[in-house]
Structure formats: C-alpha cells, structure tokens
PDB file of N, CA and C in Angstrom:
ATOM      1  N   ALA A   1     -32.109   1.964 -14.757  1.00  0.00           N
ATOM      2  CA  ALA A   1     -32.576   1.409 -13.823  1.00  0.00           C
ATOM      3  C   ALA A   1     -31.709   1.140 -12.569  1.00  0.00           C
ATOM      4  N   GLY A   2     -30.844   1.715 -12.878  1.00  0.00           N
ATOM      5  CA  GLY A   2     -30.118   1.883 -11.555  1.00  0.00           C
ATOM      6  C   GLY A   2     -29.399   0.627 -11.235  1.00  0.00           C
ATOM      7  N   LEU A   3     -29.275   0.405  -9.305  1.00  0.00           N
ATOM      8  CA  LEU A   3     -28.355  -0.385  -8.905  1.00  0.00           C
ATOM      9  C   LEU A   3     -29.211  -1.207  -8.027  1.00  0.00           C
ATOM     10  N   LEU A   4     -28.980  -2.931  -8.200  1.00  0.00           N
ATOM     11  CA  LEU A   4     -30.108  -4.073  -7.371  1.00  0.00           C
ATOM     12  C   LEU A   4     -29.496  -4.517  -6.127  1.00  0.00           C
ATOM     13  N   SER A   5     -30.370  -4.047  -5.675  1.00  0.00           N
ATOM     14  CA  SER A   5     -30.446  -4.909  -3.991  1.00  0.00           C
ATOM     15  C   SER A   5     -29.183  -6.145  -3.898  1.00  0.00           C
ATOM     16  N   GLY A   6     -28.604  -6.618  -3.057  1.00  0.00           N
ATOM     17  CA  GLY A   6     -27.637  -7.752  -2.827  1.00  0.00           C
ATOM     18  C   GLY A   6     -26.662  -7.788  -4.191  1.00  0.00           C
ATOM     19  N   VAL A   7     -26.452  -7.366  -5.120  1.00  0.00           N
ATOM     20  CA  VAL A   7     -25.671  -7.502  -6.469  1.00  0.00           C
ATOM     21  C   VAL A   7     -24.276  -6.381  -6.094  1.00  0.00           C
ATOM     22  N   ASP A   8     -23.069  -6.890  -6.224  1.00  0.00           N
ATOM     23  CA  ASP A   8     -21.743  -6.078  -5.803  1.00  0.00           C
ATOM     24  C   ASP A   8     -21.321  -5.627  -7.135  1.00  0.00           C
ATOM     25  N   TYR A   9     -20.847  -4.263  -6.636  1.00  0.00           N
ATOM     26  CA  TYR A   9     -20.612  -3.370  -7.551  1.00  0.00           C
ATOM     27  C   TYR A   9     -19.448  -2.709  -7.544  1.00  0.00           C
ATOM     28  N   VAL A  10     -18.618  -3.370  -8.602  1.00  0.00           N
ATOM     29  CA  VAL A  10     -16.912  -2.777  -8.185  1.00  0.00           C
ATOM     30  C   VAL A  10     -16.660  -1.885  -9.368  1.00  0.00           C
ATOM     31  N   PHE A  11     -15.765  -0.454  -8.770  1.00  0.00           N
ATOM     32  CA  PHE A  11     -15.096   0.506  -9.241  1.00  0.00           C
ATOM     33  C   PHE A  11     -14.080   0.321  -8.791  1.00  0.00           C
ATOM     34  N   SER A  12     -13.309   1.181  -9.993  1.00  0.00           N
ATOM     35  CA  SER A  12     -11.711   0.836  -9.819  1.00  0.00           C
ATOM     36  C   SER A  12     -11.677   2.060 -10.733  1.00  0.00           C
ATOM     37  N   PHE A  13      -9.880   2.908 -10.192  1.00  0.00           N
ATOM     38  CA  PHE A  13      -9.392   3.711 -10.778  1.00  0.00           C
ATOM     39  C   PHE A  13      -8.013   3.966 -10.670  1.00  0.00           C
ATOM     40  N   SER A  14      -7.224   4.391 -11.428  1.00  0.00           N
ATOM     41  CA  SER A  14      -5.985   4.105 -11.361  1.00  0.00           C
ATOM     42  C   SER A  14      -5.579   6.270 -10.653  1.00  0.00           C
ATOM     43  N   LEU A  15      -4.389   5.918 -10.086  1.00  0.00           N
ATOM     44  CA  LEU A  15      -3.866   7.374  -9.740  1.00  0.00           C
ATOM     45  C   LEU A  15      -2.233   7.143  -9.440  1.00  0.00           C
ATOM     46  N   THR A  16      -1.922   8.621  -9.241  1.00  0.00           N
ATOM     47  CA  THR A  16      -0.381   8.744  -8.461  1.00  0.00           C
ATOM     48  C   THR A  16       0.048   8.707  -7.496  1.00  0.00           C
ATOM     49  N   ASN A  17       0.466   7.454  -6.615  1.00  0.00           N
ATOM     50  CA  ASN A  17       1.133   8.053  -5.850  1.00  0.00           C
ATOM     51  C   ASN A  17       2.012   9.204  -5.492  1.00  0.00           C
ATOM     52  N   PRO A  18       2.031   9.774  -3.669  1.00  0.00           N
ATOM     53  CA  PRO A  18       2.985  10.777  -3.435  1.00  0.00           C
ATOM     54  C   PRO A  18       4.267  10.604  -3.615  1.00  0.00           C
ATOM     55  N   ASP A  19       5.511  11.165  -3.460  1.00  0.00           N
ATOM     56  CA  ASP A  19       6.772  10.989  -3.898  1.00  0.00           C
ATOM     57  C   ASP A  19       7.024  10.420  -2.015  1.00  0.00           C
ATOM     58  N   ALA A  20       6.334  10.752  -0.863  1.00  0.00           N
ATOM     59  CA  ALA A  20       6.293  10.599   0.175  1.00  0.00           C
ATOM     60  C   ALA A  20       5.445  10.146   1.191  1.00  0.00           C
ATOM     61  N   GLY A  21       5.815   8.800   2.139  1.00  0.00           N
ATOM     62  CA  GLY A  21       5.431   7.790   2.491  1.00  0.00           C
ATOM     63  C   GLY A  21       3.763   8.804   3.597  1.00  0.00           C
ATOM     64  N   GLN A  22       2.770   7.739   3.452  1.00  0.00           N
ATOM     65  CA  GLN A  22       1.734   8.515   4.756  1.00  0.00           C
ATOM     66  C   GLN A  22       1.210   7.344   4.829  1.00  0.00           C
ATOM     67  N   SER A  23       0.498   7.881   6.067  1.00  0.00           N
ATOM     68  CA  SER A  23      -0.302   6.860   6.638  1.00  0.00           C
ATOM     69  C   SER A  23      -1.504   6.547   5.460  1.00  0.00           C
ATOM     70  N   PRO A  24      -2.514   5.048   6.475  1.00  0.00           N
ATOM     71  CA  PRO A  24      -3.723   4.821   5.146  1.00  0.00           C
ATOM     72  C   PRO A  24      -4.585   5.789   5.401  1.00  0.00           C
ATOM     73  N   ALA A  25      -5.376   5.702   4.721  1.00  0.00           N
ATOM     74  CA  ALA A  25      -6.819   7.240   4.982  1.00  0.00           C
ATOM     75  C   ALA A  25      -7.664   6.161   5.087  1.00  0.00           C
ATOM     76  N   GLN A  26      -9.107   6.813   5.438  1.00  0.00           N
ATOM     77  CA  GLN A  26      -9.616   6.045   6.012  1.00  0.00           C
ATOM     78  C   GLN A  26     -11.240   6.432   5.111  1.00  0.00           C
ATOM     79  N   PRO A  27     -10.996   6.017   3.836  1.00  0.00           N
ATOM     80  CA  PRO A  27     -12.244   6.238   2.948  1.00  0.00           C
ATOM     81  C   PRO A  27     -14.100   6.151   3.774  1.00  0.00           C
ATOM     82  N   SER A  28     -14.789   7.003   3.314  1.00  0.00           N
ATOM     83  CA  SER A  28     -16.440   6.929   3.600  1.00  0.00           C
ATOM     84  C   SER A  28     -16.612   7.152   2.178  1.00  0.00           C
ATOM     85  N   LEU A  29     -18.151   6.942   2.547  1.00  0.00           N
ATOM     86  CA  LEU A  29     -19.228   7.089   1.257  1.00  0.00           C
ATOM     87  C   LEU A  29     -20.099   7.684   1.310  1.00  0.00           C
ATOM     88  N   SER A  30     -20.680   8.569   0.754  1.00  0.00           N
ATOM     89  CA  SER A  30     -21.828   9.113   0.809  1.00  0.00           C
ATOM     90  C   SER A  30     -22.912   9.711  -0.494  1.00  0.00           C
ATOM     91  N   GLY A  31     -23.824   9.828  -0.486  1.00  0.00           N
ATOM     92  CA  GLY A  31     -23.990  10.147  -1.784  1.00  0.00           C
ATOM     93  C   GLY A  31     -25.894  10.840  -1.683  1.00  0.00           C
ATOM     94  N   ILE A  32     -26.320  11.073  -3.027  1.00  0.00           N
ATOM     95  CA  ILE A  32     -27.598  10.861  -3.259  1.00  0.00           C
ATOM     96  C   ILE A  32     -27.971  10.058  -4.180  1.00  0.00           C
ATOM     97  N   SER A  33     -29.610   9.699  -4.199  1.00  0.00           N
ATOM     98  CA  SER A  33     -29.781   9.183  -5.201  1.00  0.00           C
ATOM     99  C   SER A  33     -30.865  10.138  -5.787  1.00  0.00           C
ATOM    100  N   LYS A  34     -31.146  10.046  -6.570  1.00  0.00           N
ATOM    101  CA  LYS A  34     -32.571  10.943  -7.758  1.00  0.00           C
ATOM    102  C   LYS A  34     -33.086   9.589  -8.035  1.00  0.00           C
ATOM    103  N   CYS A  35     -34.531   9.475  -7.616  1.00  0.00           N
ATOM    104  CA  CYS A  35     -35.240   8.916  -7.880  1.00  0.00           C
ATOM    105  C   CYS A  35     -36.872   9.383  -7.881  1.00  0.00           C
ATOM    106  N   GLY A  36     -36.638  10.542  -8.992  1.00  0.00           N
ATOM    107  CA  GLY A  36     -37.979  11.343  -9.109  1.00  0.00           C
ATOM    108  C   GLY A  36     -38.312  11.852  -7.814  1.00  0.00           C
ATOM    109  N   LEU A  37     -39.377  11.173  -7.652  1.00  0.00           N
ATOM    110  CA  LEU A  37     -39.912  11.911  -6.460  1.00  0.00           C
ATOM    111  C   LEU A  37     -39.739  11.455  -4.784  1.00  0.00           C
ATOM    112  N   TYR A  38     -38.825  10.540  -4.932  1.00  0.00           N
ATOM    113  CA  TYR A  38     -38.330  10.154  -4.010  1.00  0.00           C
ATOM    114  C   TYR A  38     -36.549  10.493  -3.544  1.00  0.00           C
ATOM    115  N   ASP A  39     -36.357  11.356  -3.565  1.00  0.00           N
ATOM    116  CA  ASP A  39     -34.684  11.404  -3.466  1.00  0.00           C
ATOM    117  C   ASP A  39     -33.983  10.410  -2.097  1.00  0.00           C
ATOM    118  N   SER A  40     -32.710   9.158  -2.435  1.00  0.00           N
ATOM    119  CA  SER A  40     -32.164   9.341  -0.543  1.00  0.00           C
ATOM    120  C   SER A  40     -31.034   9.824  -0.670  1.00  0.00           C
ATOM    121  N   HIS A  41     -30.884  10.615   0.321  1.00  0.00           N
ATOM    122  CA  HIS A  41     -29.500  10.793   1.136  1.00  0.00           C
ATOM    123  C   HIS A  41     -28.847   9.344   1.822  1.00  0.00           C
ATOM    124  N   PHE A  42     -27.538   9.254   1.172  1.00  0.00           N
ATOM    125  CA  PHE A  42     -26.975   8.078   1.920  1.00  0.00           C
ATOM    126  C   PHE A  42     -26.045   9.121   2.970  1.00  0.00           C
ATOM    127  N   VAL A  43     -26.072   8.475   4.280  1.00  0.00           N
ATOM    128  CA  VAL A  43     -25.362   8.932   5.388  1.00  0.00           C
ATOM    129  C   VAL A  43     -23.780   8.650   5.187  1.00  0.00           C
ATOM    130  N   PRO A  44     -22.814   9.313   5.455  1.00  0.00           N
ATOM    131  CA  PRO A  44     -21.522   8.859   5.110  1.00  0.00           C
ATOM    132  C   PRO A  44     -21.419   7.773   5.897  1.00  0.00           C
ATOM    133  N   GLU A  45     -20.890   6.767   5.334  1.00  0.00           N
ATOM    134  CA  GLU A  45     -20.184   5.864   6.575  1.00  0.00           C
ATOM    135  C   GLU A  45     -18.838   5.431   5.789  1.00  0.00           C
ATOM    136  N   VAL A  46     -17.415   5.126   6.571  1.00  0.00           N
ATOM    137  CA  VAL A  46     -16.624   4.215   6.204  1.00  0.00           C
ATOM    138  C   VAL A  46     -16.568   3.282   5.756  1.00  0.00           C
ATOM    139  N   MET A  47     -15.921   2.813   5.280  1.00  0.00           N
ATOM    140  CA  MET A  47     -15.591   1.579   3.899  1.00  0.00           C
ATOM    141  C   MET A  47     -14.844   0.813   4.592  1.00  0.00           C
ATOM    142  N   GLU A  48     -15.157  -0.587   4.499  1.00  0.00           N
ATOM    143  CA  GLU A  48     -13.672  -1.389   5.236  1.00  0.00           C
ATOM    144  C   GLU A  48     -13.107  -1.515   4.564  1.00  0.00           C
ATOM    145  N   SER A  49     -11.942  -2.031   4.623  1.00  0.00           N
ATOM    146  CA  SER A  49     -10.638  -1.998   4.321  1.00  0.00           C
ATOM    147  C   SER A  49      -9.643  -3.349   5.250  1.00  0.00           C
ATOM    148  N   PRO A  50      -9.970  -4.365   4.812  1.00  0.00           N
ATOM    149  CA  PRO A  50      -8.997  -5.436   4.789  1.00  0.00           C
ATOM    150  C   PRO A  50      -7.608  -5.556   4.701  1.00  0.00           C
ATOM    151  N   ALA A  51      -6.961  -6.108   5.983  1.00  0.00           N
ATOM    152  CA  ALA A  51      -5.058  -5.263   6.092  1.00  0.00           C
ATOM    153  C   ALA A  51      -4.539  -6.518   5.517  1.00  0.00           C
ATOM    154  N   ALA A  52      -4.069  -6.590   4.412  1.00  0.00           N
ATOM    155  CA  ALA A  52      -3.152  -7.654   3.898  1.00  0.00           C
ATOM    156  C   ALA A  52      -1.551  -6.964   3.739  1.00  0.00           C
ATOM    157  N   SER A  53      -0.685  -7.986   3.102  1.00  0.00           N
ATOM    158  CA  SER A  53       0.336  -7.601   2.665  1.00  0.00           C
ATOM    159  C   SER A  53       0.118  -7.675   1.015  1.00  0.00           C
ATOM    160  N   VAL A  54       0.943  -6.214   1.013  1.00  0.00           N
ATOM    161  CA  VAL A  54       0.703  -6.426  -0.788  1.00  0.00           C
ATOM    162  C   VAL A  54       2.430  -5.860  -0.668  1.00  0.00           C
ATOM    163  N   LEU A  55       3.193  -6.584  -1.295  1.00  0.00           N
ATOM    164  CA  LEU A  55       4.332  -6.618  -2.331  1.00  0.00           C
ATOM    165  C   LEU A  55       5.538  -5.842  -1.239  1.00  0.00           C
ATOM    166  N   GLY A  56       4.937  -6.994  -0.485  1.00  0.00           N
ATOM    167  CA  GLY A  56       5.760  -7.041   1.087  1.00  0.00           C
ATOM    168  C   GLY A  56       5.745  -6.191   1.985  1.00  0.00           C
ATOM    169  N   VAL A  57       4.472  -5.059   2.111  1.00  0.00           N
ATOM    170  CA  VAL A  57       4.587  -4.319   2.817  1.00  0.00           C
ATOM    171  C   VAL A  57       3.228  -4.740   3.331  1.00  0.00           C
ATOM    172  N   ALA A  58       3.725  -5.144   5.026  1.00  0.00           N
ATOM    173  CA  ALA A  58       2.457  -5.450   5.797  1.00  0.00           C
ATOM    174  C   ALA A  58       1.523  -4.103   6.051  1.00  0.00           C
ATOM    175  N   ARG A  59       0.375  -4.612   5.632  1.00  0.00           N
ATOM    176  CA  ARG A  59      -0.996  -3.653   5.695  1.00  0.00           C
ATOM    177  C   ARG A  59      -0.494  -3.067   4.450  1.00  0.00           C
ATOM    178  N   GLY A  60       0.280  -3.197   3.237  1.00  0.00           N
ATOM    179  CA  GLY A  60       0.184  -2.292   1.989  1.00  0.00           C
ATOM    180  C   GLY A  60      -1.386  -2.358   1.235  1.00  0.00           C
ATOM    181  N   SER A  61      -2.290  -2.996   2.018  1.00  0.00           N
ATOM    182  CA  SER A  61      -3.613  -3.197   0.704  1.00  0.00           C
ATOM    183  C   SER A  61      -4.834  -2.135   1.882  1.00  0.00           C
ATOM    184  N   LEU A  62      -4.245  -1.080   2.286  1.00  0.00           N
ATOM    185  CA  LEU A  62      -4.680  -0.097   3.410  1.00  0.00           C
ATOM    186  C   LEU A  62      -4.991   1.248   2.056  1.00  0.00           C
ATOM    187  N   PRO A  63      -5.651   1.552   2.230  1.00  0.00           N
ATOM    188  CA  PRO A  63      -5.992   2.013   0.744  1.00  0.00           C
ATOM    189  C   PRO A  63      -5.179   3.839   1.319  1.00  0.00           C
ATOM    190  N   LEU A  64      -4.183   4.132  -0.175  1.00  0.00           N
ATOM    191  CA  LEU A  64      -3.049   5.061  -0.090  1.00  0.00           C
ATOM    192  C   LEU A  64      -1.947   4.944   1.088  1.00  0.00           C
ATOM    193  N   SER A  65      -2.017   3.759   1.646  1.00  0.00           N
ATOM    194  CA  SER A  65      -1.161   3.666   2.535  1.00  0.00           C
ATOM    195  C   SER A  65       0.584   3.608   1.519  1.00  0.00           C
ATOM    196  N   ILE A  66       0.652   4.398   1.841  1.00  0.00           N
ATOM    197  CA  ILE A  66       2.808   4.719   1.301  1.00  0.00           C
ATOM    198  C   ILE A  66       3.560   5.178   1.911  1.00  0.00           C
ATOM    199  N   VAL A  67       4.194   3.958   1.257  1.00  0.00           N
ATOM    200  CA  VAL A  67       5.433   3.840   1.917  1.00  0.00           C
ATOM    201  C   VAL A  67       6.434   3.964   0.877  1.00  0.00           C
ATOM    202  N   VAL A  68       8.063   4.336   1.328  1.00  0.00           N
ATOM    203  CA  VAL A  68       9.027   4.668   0.566  1.00  0.00           C
ATOM    204  C   VAL A  68       9.966   3.851   0.678  1.00  0.00           C
ATOM    205  N   PRO A  69      10.383   3.262  -0.597  1.00  0.00           N
ATOM    206  CA  PRO A  69      11.457   2.201  -0.375  1.00  0.00           C
ATOM    207  C   PRO A  69      12.638   2.012  -0.339  1.00  0.00           C
ATOM    208  N   LYS A  70      13.336   1.752   0.829  1.00  0.00           N
ATOM    209  CA  LYS A  70      14.455   1.928   0.828  1.00  0.00           C
ATOM    210  C   LYS A  70      15.184   0.508   1.837  1.00  0.00           C
ATOM    211  N   PHE A  71      16.640   0.990   2.298  1.00  0.00           N
ATOM    212  CA  PHE A  71      16.949  -0.178   3.088  1.00  0.00           C
ATOM    213  C   PHE A  71      17.270  -0.452   4.668  1.00  0.00           C
ATOM    214  N   ASP A  72      16.383  -1.016   5.261  1.00  0.00           N
ATOM    215  CA  ASP A  72      16.526  -1.258   6.719  1.00  0.00           C
ATOM    216  C   ASP A  72      17.777  -1.846   7.291  1.00  0.00           C
ATOM    217  N   GLN A  73      18.132  -2.625   6.814  1.00  0.00           N
ATOM    218  CA  GLN A  73      19.402  -2.768   7.249  1.00  0.00           C
ATOM    219  C   GLN A  73      20.889  -2.764   5.584  1.00  0.00           C
ATOM    220  N   MET A  74      21.718  -2.442   5.903  1.00  0.00           N
ATOM    221  CA  MET A  74      23.031  -2.396   5.448  1.00  0.00           C
ATOM    222  C   MET A  74      24.259  -2.324   6.021  1.00  0.00           C
ATOM    223  N   LEU A  75      25.186  -3.894   5.837  1.00  0.00           N
ATOM    224  CA  LEU A  75      25.651  -3.987   6.750  1.00  0.00           C
ATOM    225  C   LEU A  75      26.768  -4.727   5.583  1.00  0.00           C
ATOM    226  N   ILE A  76      28.430  -4.337   5.669  1.00  0.00           N
ATOM    227  CA  ILE A  76      29.815  -5.218   5.317  1.00  0.00           C
ATOM    228  C   ILE A  76      30.554  -5.846   6.418  1.00  0.00           C
ATOM    229  N   LEU A  77      30.915  -6.702   5.758  1.00  0.00           N
ATOM    230  CA  LEU A  77      32.343  -7.192   6.673  1.00  0.00           C
ATOM    231  C   LEU A  77      33.249  -8.011   5.814  1.00  0.00           C
ATOM    232  N   GLN A  78      34.298  -8.057   6.104  1.00  0.00           N
ATOM    233  CA  GLN A  78      35.596  -8.328   5.542  1.00  0.00           C
ATOM    234  C   GLN A  78      35.743  -9.915   6.121  1.00  0.00           C
ATOM    235  N   SER A  79      36.377 -10.524   5.329  1.00  0.00           N
ATOM    236  CA  SER A  79      37.386 -11.902   5.966  1.00  0.00           C
ATOM    237  C   SER A  79      38.354 -11.964   6.573  1.00  0.00           C
ATOM    238  N   ASN A  80      39.180 -10.954   5.737  1.00  0.00           N
ATOM    239  CA  ASN A  80      40.647 -10.907   6.340  1.00  0.00           C
ATOM    240  C   ASN A  80      41.266  -9.715   6.564  1.00  0.00           C
ATOM    241  N   PRO A  81      41.641  -9.009   7.672  1.00  0.00           N
ATOM    242  CA  PRO A  81      42.516  -8.255   7.517  1.00  0.00           C
ATOM    243  C   PRO A  81      44.025  -7.858   7.448  1.00  0.00           C
ATOM    244  N   LEU A  82      44.327  -9.358   6.750  1.00  0.00           N
ATOM    245  CA  LEU A  82      45.922  -9.059   7.051  1.00  0.00           C
ATOM    246  C   LEU A  82      46.330  -8.776   5.660  1.00  0.00           C
ATOM    247  N   THR A  83      47.501  -8.359   5.305  1.00  0.00           N
ATOM    248  CA  THR A  83      48.365  -7.651   4.233  1.00  0.00           C
ATOM    249  C   THR A  83      48.597  -9.029   3.356  1.00  0.00           C
ATOM    250  N   ALA A  84      48.488  -8.633   2.064  1.00  0.00           N
ATOM    251  CA  ALA A  84      48.713  -9.969   1.281  1.00  0.00           C
ATOM    252  C   ALA A  84      48.104 -10.703   1.331  1.00  0.00           C
ATOM    253  N   SER A  85      46.944 -10.861   1.690  1.00  0.00           N
ATOM    254  CA  SER A  85      45.824 -12.001   1.578  1.00  0.00           C
ATOM    255  C   SER A  85      44.481 -11.678   1.005  1.00  0.00           C
ATOM    256  N   THR A  86      44.048 -12.768   0.483  1.00  0.00           N
ATOM    257  CA  THR A  86      42.793 -12.646   0.317  1.00  0.00           C
ATOM    258  C   THR A  86      41.706 -12.114   1.092  1.00  0.00           C
ATOM    259  N   ASN A  87      40.815 -11.470   0.372  1.00  0.00           N
ATOM    260  CA  ASN A  87      39.943 -11.019   1.144  1.00  0.00           C
ATOM    261  C   ASN A  87      38.638 -10.742   0.860  1.00  0.00           C
ATOM    262  N   VAL A  88      37.520 -11.767   1.088  1.00  0.00           N
ATOM    263  CA  VAL A  88      35.834 -11.541   0.641  1.00  0.00           C
ATOM    264  C   VAL A  88      35.116 -10.461   1.652  1.00  0.00           C
ATOM    265  N   LEU A  89      34.565  -9.765   0.922  1.00  0.00           N
ATOM    266  CA  LEU A  89      33.579  -8.435   1.320  1.00  0.00           C
ATOM    267  C   LEU A  89      32.398  -9.342   1.271  1.00  0.00           C
ATOM    268  N   THR A  90      31.582  -9.259   2.131  1.00  0.00           N
ATOM    269  CA  THR A  90      30.350  -9.726   2.154  1.00  0.00           C
ATOM    270  C   THR A  90      29.337  -8.442   2.688  1.00  0.00           C
ATOM    271  N   MET A  91      28.315  -8.195   1.765  1.00  0.00           N
ATOM    272  CA  MET A  91      27.390  -6.842   2.074  1.00  0.00           C
ATOM    273  C   MET A  91      26.092  -7.700   2.302  1.00  0.00           C
ATOM    274  N   THR A  92      25.098  -7.397   3.022  1.00  0.00           N
ATOM    275  CA  THR A  92      23.805  -8.057   3.534  1.00  0.00           C
ATOM    276  C   THR A  92      23.212  -6.581   3.378  1.00  0.00           C
ATOM    277  N   LEU A  93      21.830  -6.878   2.663  1.00  0.00           N
ATOM    278  CA  LEU A  93      21.008  -5.759   2.604  1.00  0.00           C
ATOM    279  C   LEU A  93      19.556  -6.130   2.553  1.00  0.00           C
ATOM    280  N   MET A  94      18.891  -5.177   3.798  1.00  0.00           N
ATOM    281  CA  MET A  94      17.152  -5.780   3.552  1.00  0.00           C
ATOM    282  C   MET A  94      16.590  -4.896   3.364  1.00  0.00           C
ATOM    283  N   SER A  95      15.536  -5.012   2.555  1.00  0.00           N
ATOM    284  CA  SER A  95      14.434  -3.852   2.230  1.00  0.00           C
ATOM    285  C   SER A  95      12.825  -3.500   3.003  1.00  0.00           C
ATOM    286  N   ASN A  96      12.713  -3.119   2.996  1.00  0.00           N
ATOM    287  CA  ASN A  96      11.215  -2.504   3.175  1.00  0.00           C
ATOM    288  C   ASN A  96       9.925  -3.207   2.729  1.00  0.00           C
ATOM    289  N   CYS A  97       9.820  -3.346   1.386  1.00  0.00           N
ATOM    290  CA  CYS A  97       9.463  -4.062   0.399  1.00  0.00           C
ATOM    291  C   CYS A  97      10.436  -5.248  -0.089  1.00  0.00           C
ATOM    292  N   ASP A  98       9.119  -5.105  -1.428  1.00  0.00           N
ATOM    293  CA  ASP A  98       9.643  -6.582  -2.641  1.00  0.00           C
ATOM    294  C   ASP A  98       9.963  -5.049  -3.519  1.00  0.00           C
ATOM    295  N   LEU A  99      11.377  -5.262  -4.032  1.00  0.00           N
ATOM    296  CA  LEU A  99      12.308  -4.484  -5.406  1.00  0.00           C
ATOM    297  C   LEU A  99      11.799  -5.355  -6.157  1.00  0.00           C
ATOM    298  N   PRO A 100      11.643  -4.921  -7.269  1.00  0.00           N
ATOM    299  CA  PRO A 100      11.790  -5.313  -8.860  1.00  0.00           C
ATOM    300  C   PRO A 100      13.137  -6.036  -9.204  1.00  0.00           C
ATOM    301  N   ALA A 101      13.626  -6.883  -9.947  1.00  0.00           N
ATOM    302  CA  ALA A 101      14.542  -7.294 -10.314  1.00  0.00           C
ATOM    303  C   ALA A 101      14.894  -6.816 -11.452  1.00  0.00           C
TER     304      ALA A 101
END
C-alpha cells in the first residue's frame, strides 16, 4: 500500500561510534518512489536535527556528534605541608560528559 500522507513513520538502527571525536553530520534524505507508471524522485533535503543535551553533552543529540570522554579538570591540593602533621589530599575531577557508575 505504501506510505500514507500525514502519518509519521519512524525508522531506527544501531551502529558503533568511532574511537575518535567528530563534529555532527548533516544527514539528508532522497529517494525514488516506484509507483508503476508514475515514479517519483525525491530531491535531497537536509533533515532537521533538534539540538538537546544527551549524557551531559551539550548538543549530544545531533547525529553522529561524537565526544571522547575525558576529564576537563583534574586538581589535587593538600591541607597541611608541615612535618609530622595530619594531611588531607583533596582531588577535584570534572568530566566533559556523564560517566556511568
């Protein structure tokens, strides 16, 4: 029967992201509809990609926007430099994305 006008059709597929970071892609859609006597050619059009945060990455929803997880901030300080004294080391880490527990 084909695709009906005014109906949303949702397609999804899985892939493995590359090991390196990359800027988002700008996907487009084109195609040919075979309808017997009247074939229709669809002119390539850029698809919309709403930008939203995903896993703590700003604009992480953009297609194929790949971020290498890393610590943007790594600090270590001590509370006491004197001999024979109790010393507390305090470390502060800040990542560029959400990291699973």
